[in-house]
Each structure stands twice: as structure tokens, then as C-alpha cells.
Protein backbone atom coordinates (compact mmCIF):
# COMPACT_ATOMS: atom_id res chain seq x y z
CA MET A 1 14.20 110.82 -95.48
CA ASN A 2 16.86 109.62 -97.85
CA THR A 3 15.38 106.06 -98.84
CA THR A 4 15.10 104.22 -102.12
CA THR A 5 11.24 102.69 -102.40
CA ASP A 6 12.46 100.29 -104.68
CA PRO A 7 15.78 99.21 -104.38
CA THR A 8 15.99 97.26 -107.40
CA LEU A 9 15.04 100.75 -110.35
CA PRO A 10 17.41 103.75 -110.41
CA PRO A 11 16.93 106.15 -107.90
CA ASP A 12 16.06 109.02 -110.38
CA THR A 13 12.56 106.98 -111.78
CA HIS A 14 11.11 107.84 -108.43
CA ILE A 15 11.29 111.66 -109.23
CA ASN A 16 7.91 113.28 -108.96
CA PRO A 17 7.84 116.57 -110.41
CA THR A 18 3.99 117.00 -108.59
CA ILE A 19 5.77 116.57 -105.08
CA SER A 20 8.57 118.07 -105.87
CA LEU A 21 6.44 121.33 -106.16
CA GLU A 22 4.31 120.79 -103.35
CA TYR A 23 7.41 120.39 -100.95
CA TRP A 24 9.04 123.23 -102.30
CA THR A 25 5.35 125.42 -101.94
CA SER A 26 5.30 124.46 -98.36
CA ILE A 27 8.58 126.30 -97.71
CA PRO A 28 8.63 129.21 -96.10
CA SER A 29 10.47 132.25 -98.56
CA THR A 30 13.16 132.96 -95.97
CA ILE A 31 16.89 132.36 -96.29
CA ASN A 32 16.54 129.53 -94.07
CA GLY A 33 13.89 127.64 -95.89
CA MET A 34 16.19 127.79 -98.91
CA LEU A 35 18.90 126.46 -96.73
CA GLY A 36 17.67 123.64 -95.01
CA GLY A 37 17.74 125.37 -91.15
CA TYR A 38 21.17 126.28 -92.22
CA PRO A 39 20.80 129.86 -93.05
CA GLN A 40 24.67 130.43 -91.18
CA ILE A 41 25.67 128.71 -94.53
CA SER A 42 24.89 131.12 -96.10
CA THR A 43 27.82 133.70 -96.25
CA ILE A 44 30.55 131.03 -96.93
CA ASP A 45 28.69 129.29 -99.23
CA LEU A 46 28.91 132.79 -101.62
CA ARG A 47 32.21 133.40 -100.96
CA GLY A 48 32.68 130.02 -102.38
CA SER A 49 31.11 130.34 -105.14
CA SER A 50 33.02 133.77 -105.54
CA LEU A 51 36.33 132.66 -105.37
CA PHE A 52 35.69 129.31 -108.00
CA LEU A 53 34.50 131.91 -110.46
CA SER A 54 37.96 133.63 -109.35
CA LYS A 55 39.48 131.08 -110.29
CA LEU A 56 37.91 130.22 -113.90
CA ARG A 57 38.24 133.65 -114.62
CA ARG A 58 42.51 133.57 -114.38
CA LEU A 59 42.19 130.11 -116.58
CA SER A 60 39.88 133.03 -119.40
CA PRO A 61 42.11 136.45 -119.98
CA LYS A 62 39.32 136.64 -122.55
CA THR A 63 37.20 137.87 -119.59
CA ALA A 64 39.11 138.20 -116.92
CA PRO A 65 39.30 142.17 -117.04
CA THR A 66 35.46 142.74 -117.60
CA ILE A 67 32.15 142.53 -115.60
CA LEU A 68 30.30 139.62 -117.69
CA HIS A 69 27.31 140.42 -119.47
CA ARG A 70 24.61 138.28 -118.57
CA GLY A 71 24.30 135.35 -116.20
CA VAL A 72 20.79 133.49 -115.19
CA ASP A 73 19.89 131.81 -111.85
CA CYS A 74 18.71 128.47 -112.56
CA GLY A 75 16.58 127.14 -109.82
CA ALA A 76 16.91 130.38 -107.95
CA GLY A 77 14.29 130.01 -105.19
CA ILE A 78 14.15 133.44 -103.58
CA GLY A 79 17.22 134.75 -105.51
CA ARG A 80 19.49 134.55 -102.77
CA VAL A 81 22.44 133.57 -105.10
CA THR A 82 21.23 136.16 -107.44
CA LEU A 83 21.20 139.23 -104.99
CA GLY A 84 24.92 137.99 -102.94
CA PHE A 85 27.17 137.08 -105.82
CA LEU A 86 25.84 136.97 -109.51
CA SER A 87 24.13 140.64 -109.56
CA LYS A 88 27.60 141.73 -108.42
CA VAL A 89 29.64 140.10 -111.45
CA CYS A 90 27.18 140.38 -114.39
CA GLU A 91 25.78 143.13 -115.70
CA LEU A 92 22.02 141.62 -115.94
CA VAL A 93 20.62 138.88 -114.52
CA ASP A 94 17.56 136.41 -115.27
CA VAL A 95 16.48 134.01 -112.79
CA VAL A 96 14.41 130.83 -113.47
CA GLU A 97 12.06 129.32 -111.13
CA PRO A 98 8.75 127.49 -111.13
CA ILE A 99 7.67 128.36 -107.32
CA GLU A 100 5.46 131.81 -107.97
CA LYS A 101 5.91 132.84 -104.55
CA PHE A 102 9.54 132.46 -104.69
CA ALA A 103 9.94 134.58 -107.71
CA VAL A 104 7.86 136.74 -106.51
CA GLU A 105 10.52 137.77 -103.98
CA VAL A 106 12.86 138.99 -107.27
CA ARG A 107 10.23 140.29 -108.78
CA GLU A 108 8.56 142.65 -106.33
CA GLY A 109 10.60 142.32 -102.94
CA GLU A 110 11.96 145.02 -101.26
CA SER A 111 15.69 143.11 -101.31
CA PHE A 112 15.37 143.23 -104.92
CA GLU A 113 14.42 146.99 -105.33
CA GLY A 114 17.84 148.31 -105.54
CA LEU A 115 18.73 145.61 -108.61
CA ARG A 116 15.69 146.20 -110.06
CA SER A 117 16.26 150.21 -110.37
CA GLU A 118 19.59 150.08 -111.29
CA GLY A 119 18.24 147.38 -114.34
CA LYS A 120 20.10 144.48 -113.35
CA VAL A 121 17.15 141.67 -113.04
CA GLY A 122 16.58 140.64 -115.91
CA GLU A 123 13.72 138.13 -117.18
CA VAL A 124 12.12 136.05 -114.34
CA PHE A 125 10.98 132.61 -115.75
CA VAL A 126 8.20 131.03 -113.35
CA ARG A 127 8.88 127.50 -115.20
CA SER A 128 10.60 124.39 -114.00
CA LEU A 129 13.94 123.41 -115.28
CA GLU A 130 12.70 120.95 -117.57
CA ASP A 131 10.21 123.24 -119.06
CA TRP A 132 12.14 126.43 -119.78
CA ASP A 133 13.37 126.66 -123.18
CA PRO A 134 16.44 128.88 -123.23
CA LYS A 135 17.46 131.77 -125.57
CA GLY A 136 19.65 134.46 -126.47
CA ARG A 137 23.33 134.22 -125.02
CA TYR A 138 24.34 133.53 -121.63
CA GLU A 139 27.89 134.23 -120.19
CA LEU A 140 27.11 131.96 -116.90
CA MET A 141 24.72 129.61 -116.32
CA TRP A 142 24.35 128.94 -112.96
CA ASN A 143 22.74 126.19 -111.47
CA GLN A 144 22.83 125.23 -107.63
CA TRP A 145 20.89 122.57 -105.32
CA CYS A 146 18.07 122.18 -108.10
CA LEU A 147 18.89 119.43 -110.70
CA GLY A 148 18.29 116.69 -108.36
CA HIS A 149 14.69 117.43 -108.88
CA LEU A 150 15.26 116.10 -112.50
CA THR A 151 15.96 112.47 -113.99
CA ASP A 152 18.79 111.78 -115.55
CA GLU A 153 17.63 111.90 -118.78
CA ALA A 154 16.02 114.85 -118.07
CA LEU A 155 19.09 116.73 -117.53
CA VAL A 156 20.96 115.51 -119.80
CA LYS A 157 18.57 117.23 -122.36
CA TYR A 158 18.56 120.45 -120.11
CA LEU A 159 22.55 120.78 -119.85
CA GLN A 160 21.96 120.25 -124.26
CA ARG A 161 19.78 123.53 -123.83
CA CYS A 162 22.19 125.50 -122.07
CA ARG A 163 25.02 123.88 -123.88
CA GLY A 164 23.29 125.45 -127.00
CA VAL A 165 23.05 129.12 -125.52
CA LEU A 166 26.21 129.24 -123.82
CA ALA A 167 28.36 132.08 -125.27
CA GLU A 168 32.29 131.64 -126.65
CA GLY A 169 34.34 131.02 -123.22
CA GLY A 170 30.96 131.04 -120.91
CA TRP A 171 30.51 128.29 -118.27
CA ILE A 172 27.87 126.27 -117.22
CA VAL A 173 28.60 125.81 -113.20
CA VAL A 174 26.72 123.32 -111.08
CA LYS A 175 27.36 123.05 -107.61
CA GLU A 176 24.99 120.53 -106.12
CA ASN A 177 25.50 117.62 -103.51
CA MET A 178 27.55 114.50 -103.71
CA SER A 179 26.19 111.00 -102.68
CA THR A 180 27.69 109.60 -99.82
CA HIS A 181 26.30 106.10 -100.01
CA LEU A 182 28.66 103.65 -99.17
CA GLU A 183 27.91 101.59 -102.18
CA GLY A 184 28.51 104.14 -104.29
CA GLU A 185 25.03 104.84 -105.79
CA ASP A 186 22.66 107.75 -105.87
CA ILE A 187 20.30 108.70 -103.12
CA PHE A 188 16.73 109.41 -103.42
CA ASP A 189 14.83 111.49 -100.76
CA GLU A 190 11.34 110.83 -100.68
CA ALA A 191 10.43 114.41 -99.16
CA ASP A 192 11.38 116.56 -101.75
CA SER A 193 11.17 113.91 -104.65
CA SER A 194 15.13 114.41 -105.54
CA VAL A 195 18.21 112.57 -106.42
CA THR A 196 21.63 113.31 -104.29
CA ARG A 197 24.21 111.99 -107.48
CA THR A 198 27.45 110.89 -107.39
CA ASP A 199 30.26 112.74 -108.91
CA THR A 200 31.01 109.84 -111.09
CA ASN A 201 27.27 109.92 -112.44
CA PHE A 202 27.34 113.76 -112.95
CA ARG A 203 30.50 112.89 -115.10
CA CYS A 204 28.88 110.57 -117.44
CA LEU A 205 25.65 112.74 -117.36
CA PHE A 206 27.78 115.70 -118.18
CA GLN A 207 29.62 113.79 -120.86
CA GLU A 208 26.46 112.68 -122.50
CA ALA A 209 25.21 115.78 -122.84
CA GLY A 210 28.36 116.86 -124.99
CA LEU A 211 29.88 118.96 -121.77
CA ARG A 212 33.40 118.46 -120.76
CA ILE A 213 34.49 120.04 -117.00
CA VAL A 214 37.23 122.82 -117.02
CA LYS A 215 37.13 122.80 -113.45
CA THR A 216 36.07 121.55 -110.49
CA GLU A 217 36.37 121.65 -106.49
CA LEU A 218 34.31 120.71 -103.37
CA GLN A 219 33.08 123.85 -101.33
CA SER A 220 34.87 124.03 -98.11
CA GLY A 221 33.83 125.22 -94.36
CA PHE A 222 30.47 123.54 -94.61
CA PRO A 223 28.93 121.79 -91.24
CA LYS A 224 30.40 117.76 -91.38
CA ASP A 225 26.38 116.57 -91.12
CA LEU A 226 25.62 118.39 -94.34
CA TYR A 227 26.63 116.59 -97.46
CA PRO A 228 29.55 117.13 -99.47
CA VAL A 229 28.86 119.59 -102.01
CA ARG A 230 30.96 120.10 -105.24
CA LEU A 231 31.15 122.63 -107.79
CA TYR A 232 32.07 121.79 -111.61
CA ALA A 233 32.63 124.43 -114.47
CA LEU A 234 31.91 123.13 -117.54
CA GLN A 235 31.68 124.11 -121.28
CA PRO A 236 31.04 122.15 -124.82
CA LYS A 237 33.58 119.48 -125.66
CA LYS A 238 36.18 120.66 -127.90
CA THR A 239 35.46 119.17 -131.66
């Protein structure tokens, strides 16, 4: 259900974190649950992410020859992206996920047993992105299908914190649905209390957070009845 409670207010002002958490807590800890009933897109999605990173690395010879040291899967759910992609390109992957039962899949689930034994799973932070205070240095900070639960103001503050722990030459990647509103507006979804933003709004928020886009492209191969999905690779603005 894609409706705005009060069309006179900005869509993001209707976001309610309690409703969001209740919604996701009700969702099963499966790929089908994570992908809203479209489990068949997982392979296409992971392949698209991998190709996007490969293109990024070709733009940055400094990181091209070696595997990235440390990455983080932000709003990770059951760790689908970590398991199928990030663990293949990073020596160590931290996970940020507010729903305890999803985080348990990474900490204790059978599908992650191999990665845990190899020491590839780092810290698992059970907290929301707006409450996560990142430490250390990350070369790759992956944000996919989660930023719609943050208000514009919270998103800017979150991205600023990410910018502060980004390793030199690293990337903050945002992979999110794009609004298809006929009048070019963000769309509020009452079901999970989230916002689907326009490309224009994302660009404004990145700018406000002190970030620049180094590469962006649309994900291909998804069913036509889904929102378009765009990837952005971000780095701090040059001074």
C-alpha cells in the first residue's frame, strides 16, 4: 500500500520506527521474506552488485589488485548480501541489523557456519542505522533496501557518520528503489512505514551529507512490476 497519510506534509515525516520494526519482526527469516515475495531476483541482484563493484574498482587502481579488507552490510536482514556477495570481496564483513531474529541467522545460522569458521564474519550490531555509531575504518559500506526507513534528516546524519569512518579510496554504496511518482515526489508506504525516494532527492541528501557520486547506474533484469533500483557509489567531496 503506497499512500501518504497527509499529502500536505513531506512523506518522510510519516516514518515511524516502531511500525517499521513491528513490520519486519513479522516477516519470516527467509530470502522470500527479505525480498517481498520475489526470491527469484536474488541471483540477479547479487550479480548486479558484483558487476557494479568491479566497475568501481577499475576506476580506482589502488584497490583493484587486492581483496578489500573490511566491509559492512548495513540493514543486512538475514545477511543475504553478505553471504552471496560481500564475503567474496572483503576479508571481513561487519553486519548492522536491528531485528534480533535476523541477526541470529548471521551469528548462529547454518548457512553462515563456513564464513564464521573462516573468520570472515566480524561484529554483528543489533541496532538501527540511526543508532549505529560506526568505529574504525571501512573500505566498503553497503546500504541496500534499508534507507527508506530513515527520515531525510536522519539519513543525512547517518551518511555523515559513515563518511567519517570511510577508508581513503573506499566507497559508501547505496542501492535503493526509485520513486515512480508521476509528479516526481517521494512515496510513503504505510505498510512498513518507509519512503521510496526520487533520484533528485537522493542526490540532494548526498550533497548535504558532504558526499559526491563517483558512479551510478540502474540495476537491470528485475521484473517490470517492481520499482526501478539504482546504485550509487559515494565518496567524500573533494576539498
